[in-house]
Amino acid sequence: MDLLLRDASLVDGTGSPARPADVAVTGDRIVAVGSAGTISRSEAKQVVDLDGLVLAPGFVDIHTHYDAQILWDGDLTPSCWHGVTTVVMGNCGFGVAPTRPAHRDLIVRLLENVEGMSMDALNAGIDWCFESLPEYFAAIDSRRKRLNVAAFVGHSPLRLFVVGPEERPATPGELAQMCELLKEALDLGATGFSTSRAPQHQGAYGRPVPSRFAEVEEVFELAGVLGDTGKGVVQAAIGPGLFIDEFSEMSVRHGVPVTWTALLARAERPGGALRTVERAAALPGEVYPQLACREIVMQINLADPTPLAEVDEWKEVLARPREERRDIYTDQDWRDRARQPTLAKWAHRWASVSVQETAAHPEAVGVALDALAEERRTTPFDLMIDLSLTDGMATRFRVVMDNDGYDEVGELLADRRTLLGLSDAGAHASQLCDACFSTHLLGHWVRERKSLSLEEAVWRLTGHPHQVFRLSGRGLVREGFYADLVAFDPDTVGTKTAERVYDQPGGADRLVARSTGVEHIWVNGVPTRVAGEDIPDAGSGRLLRSP
């Protein structure tokens, strides 16, 4: 054997109790799993004594948006710092392929508005060496990758590629062409098909993203391609005409697993998410609501007011280039139209909105915006705009967007009918950092809150996505499986405070968070982290192809 991992506390991803064990690896595969001390050291080229550290399958992040970042960051930071060894990108119907040269600007602007990505970073960082999906897969396959990568086919770029920018239903011929391109991608190993009907998904120039112009039957037809080929998963962001009843019908009609976003526990509607789980569980089919294990907290500034797009008047802002958005905020007519709808829509949020970063108004940092507005005899809406205008649009506001029903989140994490996801890693980079969800789960919900056991948490991070996404040979510590492994200290594993860095192409900023307690990582049998330190330029990750 090439590698022997000794004296581990093995949590194998099945949900079974932890046990003392040794694990042997040859090449990229696990070749033996035995009780502690039963595998001879003399047969191993290298021995790593884990001294009781928890050894688990490498974590799987099923909901990322690394489609662009992977073209300039083969390490896929910060996910790689948190025990993640496999990421699934292309969620919510978004991605960068297929894309015709004429549509590149539309795709970039879509990712800027919907996923909060920096246009400067996208324009500087994307190497448009591809147009078709096969060419994109080839580009990803040939690049150095620290992690394994699986990719959905996104509905919006697929639709833009075939239908063009026209905002209309597809013709039968266009739908047939989309189905053929999807089948080609599935044959190449795409992990499935993703789409969105979410009203807040406003793309280039503030217009609805292309997938929102599709009739619901178009989504069903594309899902049918997965059923016909027997390959892949459907992932969807919910919206009009596409919710649990339709997902049940889709899964039953086509025999495909469906996962949807997002199941959110809201403080102002206690028990609502659990009731949704109960309703969905009463329906037939293989359908999994995706759950986040962190409050969804964003740091936004009004140069990029994406979260406010759920209010129609703010869509007018997103329709304008960033450099022109200040002009809208100084337009009294727009402010008069936008004030009441914004105050009403965010009525439950103003108490949890505060100034996070500002050079011009340090006295306002950390004060709830509704309290500050009352003190200054204005509204939170007007105060947010006025603070921004007098700070060169640089003021950042901390906004608790969702998933703030704390006790209910704990109950949902213990409910096996939900699927852990929604990190959004690679998206909203300057606004949030939830790529640390895995270490947050282990540190906060397991060790501190004791809402679920260590074994159950590891199953959520590994064995459950193995089951739902049909990840062949990954997600369990088992003989014959790939040696994607992480060793961590259960007493110290966790997440550090997020920090702002300026390391994106074009000097764009983002938030990143480091981990604690993650000591060793192996990807396909190759070490990528040793004794808490990353090995520079590790590149044993692969483009995963569905069997």
Protein backbone atom coordinates (compact mmCIF):
# COMPACT_ATOMS: atom_id res chain seq x y z
CA MET A 1 0.00 0.00 0.00
CA ASP A 2 1.07 3.61 -0.57
CA LEU A 3 -0.41 5.08 2.59
CA LEU A 4 -1.53 3.80 5.99
CA LEU A 5 -3.61 6.04 8.24
CA ARG A 6 -3.33 4.64 11.78
CA ASP A 7 -5.16 5.14 15.04
CA ALA A 8 -8.08 7.12 13.62
CA SER A 9 -11.50 7.60 15.12
CA LEU A 10 -13.29 6.57 11.94
CA VAL A 11 -16.63 8.17 11.08
CA ASP A 12 -17.26 6.50 7.75
CA GLY A 13 -20.15 8.56 6.34
CA THR A 14 -22.85 5.91 6.78
CA GLY A 15 -24.10 7.27 10.11
CA SER A 16 -22.60 4.30 11.97
CA PRO A 17 -20.92 5.00 15.34
CA ALA A 18 -17.32 6.17 15.34
CA ARG A 19 -14.79 3.36 15.84
CA PRO A 20 -11.00 3.04 16.21
CA ALA A 21 -9.64 2.07 12.79
CA ASP A 22 -6.77 1.98 10.33
CA VAL A 23 -7.29 2.83 6.66
CA ALA A 24 -4.98 1.77 3.82
CA VAL A 25 -4.69 3.52 0.47
CA THR A 26 -3.08 2.40 -2.79
CA GLY A 27 -3.04 4.89 -5.62
CA ASP A 28 -6.31 6.81 -5.52
CA ARG A 29 -8.35 4.11 -3.77
CA ILE A 30 -9.03 2.85 -0.28
CA VAL A 31 -7.86 -0.78 -0.25
CA ALA A 32 -8.47 -1.77 3.36
CA VAL A 33 -10.41 -0.60 6.41
CA GLY A 34 -9.58 -2.49 9.59
CA SER A 35 -9.74 -2.26 13.35
CA ALA A 36 -6.96 -0.21 14.91
CA GLY A 37 -3.65 -2.04 14.81
CA THR A 38 -4.76 -4.79 12.42
CA ILE A 39 -3.05 -3.48 9.26
CA SER A 40 0.72 -3.98 9.33
CA ARG A 41 2.89 -0.86 9.16
CA SER A 42 5.58 -2.80 7.31
CA GLU A 43 3.42 -3.05 4.21
CA ALA A 44 3.03 0.72 3.83
CA LYS A 45 5.30 3.13 2.00
CA GLN A 46 4.05 5.97 4.22
CA VAL A 47 2.40 5.88 7.64
CA VAL A 48 0.47 8.78 9.17
CA ASP A 49 -0.39 8.43 12.86
CA LEU A 50 -3.66 10.30 13.41
CA ASP A 51 -3.56 9.89 17.21
CA GLY A 52 -7.33 9.71 17.58
CA LEU A 53 -8.29 12.46 15.13
CA VAL A 54 -11.63 11.91 13.45
CA LEU A 55 -11.11 10.45 9.97
CA ALA A 56 -14.07 11.00 7.64
CA PRO A 57 -14.84 11.03 3.94
CA GLY A 58 -13.98 14.35 2.32
CA PHE A 59 -16.93 16.72 2.57
CA VAL A 60 -19.18 17.38 -0.44
CA ASP A 61 -20.55 20.87 -1.12
CA ILE A 62 -23.55 20.35 -3.38
CA HIS A 63 -24.43 24.02 -3.94
CA THR A 64 -21.64 26.20 -5.31
CA HIS A 65 -21.15 28.74 -8.08
CA TYR A 66 -17.48 28.17 -8.86
CA ASP A 67 -18.14 28.01 -12.64
CA ALA A 68 -16.14 31.19 -13.27
CA GLN A 69 -13.72 31.16 -10.31
CA ILE A 70 -12.34 27.76 -11.28
CA LEU A 71 -10.93 29.41 -14.39
CA TRP A 72 -8.55 31.51 -12.27
CA ASP A 73 -8.40 29.76 -8.89
CA GLY A 74 -7.57 26.07 -9.11
CA ASP A 75 -7.54 25.86 -5.30
CA LEU A 76 -11.23 26.82 -5.10
CA THR A 77 -10.71 28.84 -1.95
CA PRO A 78 -12.09 29.04 0.64
CA SER A 79 -13.88 25.67 0.31
CA CYS A 80 -10.59 23.77 0.30
CA TRP A 81 -9.78 25.09 3.80
CA HIS A 82 -12.86 23.46 5.34
CA GLY A 83 -12.44 19.77 4.59
CA VAL A 84 -14.36 19.92 1.31
CA THR A 85 -12.97 17.59 -1.36
CA THR A 86 -15.83 17.74 -3.91
CA VAL A 87 -17.92 20.69 -5.09
CA VAL A 88 -20.96 20.78 -7.36
CA MET A 89 -21.23 23.96 -9.42
CA GLY A 90 -23.71 25.31 -11.97
CA ASN A 91 -26.60 25.58 -9.50
CA CYS A 92 -29.82 27.61 -9.94
CA GLY A 93 -29.61 27.44 -13.72
CA PHE A 94 -26.46 29.59 -13.94
CA GLY A 95 -23.00 29.02 -15.39
CA VAL A 96 -20.64 30.25 -18.07
CA ALA A 97 -21.25 27.61 -20.75
CA PRO A 98 -22.50 27.16 -23.34
CA THR A 99 -21.94 30.80 -24.34
CA ARG A 100 -21.61 32.34 -27.77
CA PRO A 101 -19.09 35.21 -28.07
CA ALA A 102 -21.95 37.64 -28.69
CA HIS A 103 -23.54 36.70 -25.35
CA ARG A 104 -20.50 36.87 -23.06
CA ASP A 105 -21.37 40.31 -21.74
CA LEU A 106 -24.93 39.17 -20.93
CA ILE A 107 -23.61 36.18 -18.98
CA VAL A 108 -21.16 38.36 -17.06
CA ARG A 109 -23.86 40.89 -16.22
CA LEU A 110 -26.23 38.10 -15.17
CA LEU A 111 -23.64 36.70 -12.75
CA GLU A 112 -22.97 40.22 -11.46
CA ASN A 113 -26.62 40.97 -10.71
CA VAL A 114 -27.87 37.58 -9.53
CA GLU A 115 -24.82 36.05 -7.86
CA GLY A 116 -23.13 39.22 -6.72
CA MET A 117 -19.92 38.51 -8.64
CA SER A 118 -17.56 41.34 -9.52
CA MET A 119 -17.77 42.29 -13.18
CA ASP A 120 -14.12 43.38 -13.00
CA ALA A 121 -13.10 39.96 -11.68
CA LEU A 122 -15.19 38.13 -14.27
CA ASN A 123 -13.87 40.18 -17.18
CA ALA A 124 -10.27 39.88 -16.01
CA GLY A 125 -10.45 36.26 -14.89
CA ILE A 126 -12.53 34.33 -17.43
CA ASP A 127 -10.46 32.83 -20.22
CA TRP A 128 -13.09 32.43 -22.94
CA CYS A 129 -11.31 29.46 -24.49
CA PHE A 130 -14.65 27.69 -24.87
CA GLU A 131 -18.05 28.18 -26.41
CA SER A 132 -19.80 24.80 -26.15
CA LEU A 133 -20.29 22.65 -23.08
CA PRO A 134 -17.82 20.00 -24.30
CA GLU A 135 -15.21 22.74 -24.75
CA TYR A 136 -15.89 24.08 -21.24
CA PHE A 137 -15.62 20.61 -19.70
CA ALA A 138 -12.35 20.08 -21.57
CA ALA A 139 -11.03 23.41 -20.23
CA ILE A 140 -11.94 22.42 -16.65
CA ASP A 141 -10.58 18.92 -17.08
CA SER A 142 -7.18 20.20 -18.21
CA ARG A 143 -6.72 22.70 -15.38
CA ARG A 144 -5.02 22.07 -12.05
CA LYS A 145 -7.67 21.49 -9.40
CA ARG A 146 -7.16 21.02 -5.68
CA LEU A 147 -10.70 19.61 -5.38
CA ASN A 148 -12.99 17.37 -7.38
CA VAL A 149 -15.56 19.28 -9.42
CA ALA A 150 -18.97 18.21 -10.71
CA ALA A 151 -21.09 20.48 -12.91
CA PHE A 152 -24.75 21.00 -13.64
CA VAL A 153 -25.92 22.22 -17.03
CA GLY A 154 -27.49 25.60 -16.28
CA HIS A 155 -30.81 26.42 -17.92
CA SER A 156 -30.07 30.13 -18.44
CA PRO A 157 -26.85 29.81 -20.49
CA LEU A 158 -28.34 26.82 -22.33
CA ARG A 159 -31.44 28.81 -23.22
CA LEU A 160 -29.46 31.92 -24.18
CA PHE A 161 -27.27 29.78 -26.44
CA VAL A 162 -30.29 28.37 -28.32
CA VAL A 163 -33.05 30.99 -28.06
CA GLY A 164 -30.84 34.05 -27.85
CA PRO A 165 -31.73 37.10 -25.74
CA GLU A 166 -35.40 37.14 -26.83
CA GLU A 167 -37.74 37.04 -23.83
CA ARG A 168 -40.26 34.43 -24.97
CA PRO A 169 -41.15 30.74 -24.79
CA ALA A 170 -38.98 28.41 -26.87
CA THR A 171 -40.26 26.99 -30.12
CA PRO A 172 -40.55 23.20 -30.45
CA GLY A 173 -37.39 23.20 -32.57
CA GLU A 174 -35.47 25.25 -30.02
CA LEU A 175 -36.59 23.00 -27.19
CA ALA A 176 -35.48 19.95 -29.18
CA GLN A 177 -32.06 21.58 -29.66
CA MET A 178 -31.75 22.32 -25.93
CA CYS A 179 -32.64 18.71 -25.16
CA GLU A 180 -29.98 17.48 -27.56
CA LEU A 181 -27.29 19.73 -26.05
CA LEU A 182 -28.28 18.62 -22.56
CA LYS A 183 -28.07 14.96 -23.58
CA GLU A 184 -24.61 15.59 -25.04
CA ALA A 185 -23.48 17.13 -21.75
CA LEU A 186 -24.94 14.26 -19.70
CA ASP A 187 -23.14 11.77 -21.92
CA LEU A 188 -19.94 13.69 -21.13
CA GLY A 189 -20.65 13.30 -17.42
CA ALA A 190 -22.58 16.43 -16.36
CA THR A 191 -24.13 15.87 -12.94
CA GLY A 192 -27.58 17.01 -14.06
CA PHE A 193 -29.70 20.02 -15.00
CA SER A 194 -30.43 23.15 -12.95
CA THR A 195 -32.98 25.92 -13.39
CA SER A 196 -34.60 28.89 -11.66
CA ARG A 197 -38.01 30.52 -11.61
CA ALA A 198 -37.15 32.66 -8.56
CA PRO A 199 -38.67 36.16 -8.93
CA GLN A 200 -35.63 37.76 -7.30
CA HIS A 201 -33.31 36.39 -9.99
CA GLN A 202 -32.89 39.51 -12.11
CA GLY A 203 -30.08 39.18 -14.63
CA ALA A 204 -28.41 41.46 -17.16
CA TYR A 205 -29.77 45.01 -17.11
CA GLY A 206 -32.25 44.08 -14.39
CA ARG A 207 -34.24 41.75 -16.63
CA PRO A 208 -35.43 38.30 -15.51
CA VAL A 209 -32.84 35.59 -16.10
CA PRO A 210 -33.45 33.54 -19.29
CA SER A 211 -34.79 30.47 -17.47
CA ARG A 212 -37.68 32.54 -16.10
CA PHE A 213 -39.07 32.97 -19.63
CA ALA A 214 -39.40 29.21 -20.05
CA GLU A 215 -42.81 27.62 -19.72
CA VAL A 216 -43.00 25.05 -16.92
CA GLU A 217 -43.45 22.29 -19.48
CA GLU A 218 -40.05 23.24 -20.96
CA VAL A 219 -38.48 22.46 -17.58
CA PHE A 220 -40.30 19.12 -17.51
CA GLU A 221 -39.11 18.29 -21.04
CA LEU A 222 -35.51 19.01 -20.11
CA ALA A 223 -35.85 16.97 -16.93
CA GLY A 224 -37.13 14.18 -19.17
CA VAL A 225 -33.73 14.02 -20.85
CA LEU A 226 -32.27 12.96 -17.50
CA GLY A 227 -34.96 10.32 -17.19
CA ASP A 228 -34.36 9.01 -20.71
CA THR A 229 -30.63 8.70 -20.17
CA GLY A 230 -30.89 7.48 -16.57
CA LYS A 231 -28.35 10.11 -15.54
CA GLY A 232 -28.26 13.10 -13.28
CA VAL A 233 -30.13 15.22 -10.75
CA VAL A 234 -32.50 18.18 -11.26
CA GLN A 235 -31.79 21.22 -9.09
CA ALA A 236 -34.20 24.14 -9.07
CA ALA A 237 -34.70 27.51 -7.42
CA ILE A 238 -38.41 27.69 -6.66
CA GLY A 239 -40.79 30.18 -8.23
CA PRO A 240 -44.25 30.53 -9.77
CA GLY A 241 -45.46 27.19 -11.11
CA LEU A 242 -42.49 25.26 -9.77
CA PHE A 243 -42.72 24.06 -6.19
CA ILE A 244 -43.23 20.85 -4.26
CA ASP A 245 -46.21 19.54 -6.24
CA GLU A 246 -44.40 20.02 -9.54
CA PHE A 247 -41.19 18.53 -8.17
CA SER A 248 -43.07 15.46 -7.03
CA GLU A 249 -44.69 15.09 -10.45
CA MET A 250 -41.34 15.62 -12.20
CA SER A 251 -39.58 13.01 -10.10
CA VAL A 252 -42.34 10.44 -10.57
CA ARG A 253 -42.87 11.11 -14.29
CA HIS A 254 -39.19 10.94 -15.21
CA GLY A 255 -37.72 8.83 -12.42
CA VAL A 256 -35.18 11.48 -11.42
CA PRO A 257 -34.09 12.88 -8.05
CA VAL A 258 -34.98 16.56 -7.59
CA THR A 259 -33.48 18.99 -5.08
CA TRP A 260 -34.77 22.51 -4.59
CA THR A 261 -33.70 25.74 -2.94
CA ALA A 262 -34.27 27.05 -0.54
CA LEU A 263 -35.88 25.68 2.61
CA LEU A 264 -35.53 28.59 5.02
CA ALA A 265 -36.45 28.83 8.70
CA ARG A 266 -37.77 32.33 9.37
CA ALA A 267 -38.03 33.92 12.79
CA GLU A 268 -41.21 35.78 11.79
CA ARG A 269 -42.88 32.53 10.63
CA PRO A 270 -41.91 29.85 13.17
CA GLY A 271 -42.62 26.28 12.09
CA GLY A 272 -43.20 27.23 8.46
CA ALA A 273 -40.23 25.30 7.10
CA LEU A 274 -41.12 22.19 9.08
CA ARG A 275 -44.67 22.35 7.77
CA THR A 276 -43.28 22.53 4.21
CA VAL A 277 -41.18 19.43 4.88
CA GLU A 278 -44.26 17.59 6.12
CA ARG A 279 -46.31 18.61 3.08
CA ALA A 280 -43.56 17.56 0.69
CA ALA A 281 -42.95 14.25 2.47
CA ALA A 282 -46.60 13.28 1.90
CA LEU A 283 -46.07 13.44 -1.87
CA PRO A 284 -44.51 10.67 -3.99
CA GLY A 285 -41.13 10.89 -5.67
CA GLU A 286 -37.52 11.48 -4.67
CA VAL A 287 -37.44 15.17 -3.74
CA TYR A 288 -35.01 16.89 -1.36
CA PRO A 289 -35.34 20.44 0.00
CA GLN A 290 -31.94 22.08 0.51
CA LEU A 291 -31.20 23.58 3.90
CA ALA A 292 -28.50 26.01 5.05
CA CYS A 293 -26.94 25.55 8.49
CA ARG A 294 -26.07 29.23 8.90
CA GLU A 295 -28.06 32.43 9.05
CA ILE A 296 -27.93 34.01 5.60
CA VAL A 297 -26.16 37.25 6.43
CA MET A 298 -24.97 39.53 3.66
CA GLN A 299 -22.77 42.60 3.59
CA ILE A 300 -24.18 44.79 0.83
CA ASN A 301 -23.55 48.23 -0.52
CA LEU A 302 -25.89 50.16 -2.77
CA ALA A 303 -23.56 49.93 -5.74
CA ASP A 304 -24.66 46.27 -5.81
CA PRO A 305 -28.14 46.10 -4.21
CA THR A 306 -28.98 42.58 -5.44
CA PRO A 307 -30.87 41.48 -2.29
CA LEU A 308 -33.30 44.38 -2.74
CA ALA A 309 -34.31 43.13 -6.20
CA GLU A 310 -37.37 41.47 -4.65
CA VAL A 311 -38.81 45.02 -4.73
CA ASP A 312 -39.74 46.05 -8.28
CA GLU A 313 -38.35 49.57 -8.01
CA TRP A 314 -34.89 48.21 -7.22
CA LYS A 315 -34.91 46.28 -10.48
CA GLU A 316 -34.63 49.68 -12.14
CA VAL A 317 -31.37 50.15 -10.26
CA LEU A 318 -29.98 46.81 -11.40
CA ALA A 319 -30.89 47.70 -14.98
CA ARG A 320 -28.32 50.51 -14.89
CA PRO A 321 -24.52 50.14 -14.93
CA ARG A 322 -22.92 50.43 -11.49
CA GLU A 323 -21.45 53.83 -12.22
CA GLU A 324 -24.94 55.24 -12.95
CA ARG A 325 -26.75 53.84 -9.91
CA ARG A 326 -25.91 56.87 -7.76
CA ASP A 327 -27.98 58.99 -10.14
CA ILE A 328 -31.09 56.93 -9.38
CA TYR A 329 -30.64 57.40 -5.63
CA THR A 330 -30.57 61.18 -6.06
CA ASP A 331 -33.78 61.10 -8.12
CA GLN A 332 -36.53 62.21 -5.73
CA ASP A 333 -39.26 60.72 -7.90
CA TRP A 334 -37.64 57.27 -7.71
CA ARG A 335 -37.19 57.58 -3.95
CA ASP A 336 -40.82 58.53 -3.47
CA ARG A 337 -41.93 55.50 -5.51
CA ALA A 338 -39.52 53.06 -3.89
CA ARG A 339 -39.86 54.15 -0.25
CA GLN A 340 -43.07 52.46 0.88
CA PRO A 341 -42.62 49.18 -1.06
CA THR A 342 -39.10 48.84 0.35
CA LEU A 343 -40.10 49.70 3.92
CA ALA A 344 -42.96 47.20 3.75
CA LYS A 345 -41.00 44.35 2.12
CA TRP A 346 -38.15 44.63 4.61
CA ALA A 347 -40.32 45.43 7.65
CA HIS A 348 -39.11 42.26 9.40
CA ARG A 349 -35.47 43.02 8.56
CA TRP A 350 -34.79 46.64 9.52
CA ALA A 351 -34.07 45.79 13.16
CA SER A 352 -31.33 43.40 11.98
CA VAL A 353 -29.80 45.77 9.40
CA SER A 354 -26.80 47.76 10.57
CA VAL A 355 -23.80 49.59 9.16
CA GLN A 356 -20.87 47.17 8.83
CA GLU A 357 -18.15 49.24 7.14
CA THR A 358 -17.86 52.97 6.50
CA ALA A 359 -15.18 55.63 6.39
CA ALA A 360 -17.54 58.60 6.60
CA HIS A 361 -19.86 57.50 9.42
CA PRO A 362 -17.91 55.53 12.07
CA GLU A 363 -20.46 56.52 14.73
CA ALA A 364 -23.11 54.50 12.87
CA VAL A 365 -21.23 51.17 12.81
CA GLY A 366 -23.11 48.40 14.59
CA VAL A 367 -26.27 50.43 15.25
CA ALA A 368 -29.56 48.95 14.04
CA LEU A 369 -30.76 50.98 11.08
CA ASP A 370 -34.33 51.35 12.36
CA ALA A 371 -33.11 52.77 15.68
CA LEU A 372 -30.67 55.11 13.94
CA ALA A 373 -33.39 56.27 11.55
CA GLU A 374 -35.77 57.01 14.44
CA GLU A 375 -33.05 58.99 16.17
CA ARG A 376 -32.44 61.03 13.00
CA ARG A 377 -36.16 61.40 12.23
CA THR A 378 -36.07 59.64 8.90
CA THR A 379 -36.81 56.17 7.54
CA PRO A 380 -34.39 53.22 7.32
CA PHE A 381 -34.83 53.35 3.52
CA ASP A 382 -33.79 57.01 3.28
CA LEU A 383 -31.03 56.64 5.84
CA MET A 384 -29.49 53.73 3.94
CA ILE A 385 -29.39 55.79 0.76
CA ASP A 386 -28.17 59.00 2.41
CA LEU A 387 -25.34 57.25 4.24
CA SER A 388 -24.25 55.67 0.96
CA LEU A 389 -24.38 58.91 -1.02
CA THR A 390 -22.21 60.74 1.51
CA ASP A 391 -19.68 57.89 1.62
CA GLY A 392 -18.99 57.56 -2.10
CA MET A 393 -21.26 54.47 -2.24
CA ALA A 394 -18.71 52.61 -0.08
CA THR A 395 -20.88 52.03 3.01
CA ARG A 396 -21.58 48.35 3.62
CA PHE A 397 -24.63 47.21 5.51
CA ARG A 398 -24.92 43.96 7.43
CA VAL A 399 -28.28 42.40 6.60
CA VAL A 400 -29.73 39.23 8.12
CA MET A 401 -31.48 38.08 4.97
CA ASP A 402 -32.99 34.77 5.99
CA ASN A 403 -32.75 31.47 7.87
CA ASP A 404 -32.84 33.25 11.22
CA GLY A 405 -35.31 30.84 12.85
CA TYR A 406 -32.54 29.45 15.00
CA ASP A 407 -34.28 26.66 16.90
CA GLU A 408 -36.11 25.51 13.79
CA VAL A 409 -32.82 25.23 11.87
CA GLY A 410 -31.63 22.84 14.56
CA GLU A 411 -34.76 20.71 14.15
CA LEU A 412 -34.38 20.69 10.37
CA LEU A 413 -30.75 19.59 10.64
CA ALA A 414 -31.92 16.58 12.62
CA ASP A 415 -34.56 15.75 9.98
CA ARG A 416 -33.20 13.31 7.39
CA ARG A 417 -35.77 14.45 4.82
CA THR A 418 -33.74 17.63 4.24
CA LEU A 419 -30.47 17.95 2.31
CA LEU A 420 -27.64 20.12 3.60
CA GLY A 421 -26.48 22.65 1.01
CA LEU A 422 -26.81 26.28 0.01
CA SER A 423 -23.26 27.44 0.74
CA ASP A 424 -23.30 29.51 -2.49
CA ALA A 425 -19.49 29.26 -2.50
CA GLY A 426 -18.07 31.32 -5.35
CA ALA A 427 -21.04 33.69 -5.40
CA HIS A 428 -21.76 36.90 -3.45
CA ALA A 429 -18.04 36.92 -2.72
CA SER A 430 -17.92 40.49 -1.41
CA GLN A 431 -21.17 40.05 0.53
CA LEU A 432 -20.94 36.76 2.43
CA CYS A 433 -18.80 33.69 3.02
CA ASP A 434 -20.74 30.51 3.73
CA ALA A 435 -18.22 28.18 2.08
CA CYS A 436 -17.31 27.41 5.71
CA PHE A 437 -20.64 25.65 6.30
CA SER A 438 -19.00 22.26 6.96
CA THR A 439 -16.76 23.37 9.81
CA HIS A 440 -19.56 25.58 11.17
CA LEU A 441 -21.82 22.52 11.29
CA LEU A 442 -19.22 20.46 13.15
CA GLY A 443 -18.18 23.19 15.56
CA HIS A 444 -21.43 24.97 16.25
CA TRP A 445 -24.28 22.52 15.74
CA VAL A 446 -22.45 19.36 16.88
CA ARG A 447 -20.00 20.40 19.59
CA GLU A 448 -21.63 23.55 20.97
CA ARG A 449 -25.39 23.12 20.42
CA LYS A 450 -25.43 19.30 20.36
CA SER A 451 -28.32 19.45 17.89
CA LEU A 452 -27.03 16.38 16.07
CA SER A 453 -24.34 13.77 16.62
CA LEU A 454 -20.93 13.84 15.00
CA GLU A 455 -21.83 10.74 12.98
CA GLU A 456 -25.08 12.32 11.76
CA ALA A 457 -23.28 15.52 10.78
CA VAL A 458 -20.64 13.64 8.79
CA TRP A 459 -23.41 11.67 7.04
CA ARG A 460 -25.01 14.98 6.07
CA LEU A 461 -21.68 16.18 4.62
CA THR A 462 -20.75 12.94 2.84
CA GLY A 463 -23.05 9.92 2.80
CA HIS A 464 -26.23 11.83 2.05
CA PRO A 465 -24.86 13.68 -1.01
CA HIS A 466 -23.29 10.37 -2.10
CA GLN A 467 -26.81 8.90 -2.10
CA VAL A 468 -28.71 11.83 -3.67
CA PHE A 469 -26.14 12.79 -6.32
CA ARG A 470 -25.16 9.20 -7.16
CA LEU A 471 -21.50 10.03 -6.47
CA SER A 472 -19.92 6.81 -7.57
CA GLY A 473 -17.13 5.74 -5.23
CA ARG A 474 -17.18 8.95 -3.17
CA GLY A 475 -18.72 10.01 0.11
CA LEU A 476 -17.93 6.94 2.24
CA VAL A 477 -14.80 5.39 3.77
CA ARG A 478 -15.13 1.97 2.22
CA GLU A 479 -12.85 -0.45 0.40
CA GLY A 480 -12.82 0.33 -3.32
CA PHE A 481 -13.92 3.96 -2.83
CA TYR A 482 -11.71 6.89 -3.83
CA ALA A 483 -9.43 8.13 -1.08
CA ASP A 484 -11.05 11.53 -0.54
CA LEU A 485 -10.48 11.92 3.20
CA VAL A 486 -10.32 14.53 5.93
CA ALA A 487 -8.90 14.24 9.44
CA PHE A 488 -10.01 16.81 12.03
CA ASP A 489 -10.00 17.45 15.76
CA PRO A 490 -13.63 17.40 17.01
CA ASP A 491 -12.67 19.53 20.01
CA THR A 492 -11.38 22.45 17.94
CA VAL A 493 -12.96 22.17 14.47
CA GLY A 494 -14.74 25.35 13.51
CA THR A 495 -14.70 28.57 11.52
CA LYS A 496 -12.76 31.78 12.02
CA THR A 497 -14.28 35.23 11.56
CA ALA A 498 -14.61 36.29 7.93
CA GLU A 499 -12.08 38.81 6.62
CA ARG A 500 -12.07 40.98 3.53
CA VAL A 501 -9.24 40.40 1.06
CA TYR A 502 -8.44 41.85 -2.37
CA ASP A 503 -7.14 38.82 -4.26
CA GLN A 504 -9.64 38.46 -7.10
CA PRO A 505 -8.71 39.25 -10.71
CA GLY A 506 -8.68 42.99 -11.29
CA GLY A 507 -8.09 43.56 -7.57
CA ALA A 508 -11.71 42.82 -6.67
CA ASP A 509 -12.49 42.16 -3.02
CA ARG A 510 -14.16 39.21 -1.33
CA LEU A 511 -14.86 37.77 2.11
CA VAL A 512 -13.03 34.61 3.16
CA ALA A 513 -13.04 32.57 6.36
CA ARG A 514 -10.37 30.17 7.57
CA SER A 515 -10.97 26.95 9.48
CA THR A 516 -9.73 25.61 12.77
CA GLY A 517 -9.08 21.98 13.61
CA VAL A 518 -8.86 20.65 10.03
CA GLU A 519 -5.50 18.87 10.17
CA HIS A 520 -5.17 16.64 7.09
CA ILE A 521 -6.90 16.33 3.70
CA TRP A 522 -6.36 13.83 0.91
CA VAL A 523 -7.93 14.13 -2.55
CA ASN A 524 -7.79 10.97 -4.67
CA GLY A 525 -5.16 9.57 -2.32
CA VAL A 526 -2.87 12.61 -2.56
CA PRO A 527 -2.27 14.84 0.49
CA THR A 528 -3.41 18.44 0.00
CA ARG A 529 -3.15 19.53 3.66
CA VAL A 530 -0.74 18.23 6.31
CA ALA A 531 -0.74 19.22 9.99
CA GLY A 532 -3.11 22.12 9.36
CA GLU A 533 -1.12 23.63 6.48
CA ASP A 534 -2.09 23.48 2.80
CA ILE A 535 0.41 21.98 0.39
CA PRO A 536 1.06 24.65 -2.26
CA ASP A 537 -0.20 24.01 -5.80
CA ALA A 538 -1.82 20.67 -4.95
CA GLY A 539 -3.66 19.43 -7.99
CA SER A 540 -5.09 15.95 -7.52
CA GLY A 541 -8.71 17.02 -7.99
CA ARG A 542 -10.68 15.79 -11.00
CA LEU A 543 -13.65 16.72 -13.11
CA LEU A 544 -16.21 14.19 -11.95
CA ARG A 545 -18.32 12.55 -14.60
CA SER A 546 -21.59 10.82 -13.76
CA PRO A 547 -21.53 7.14 -14.61
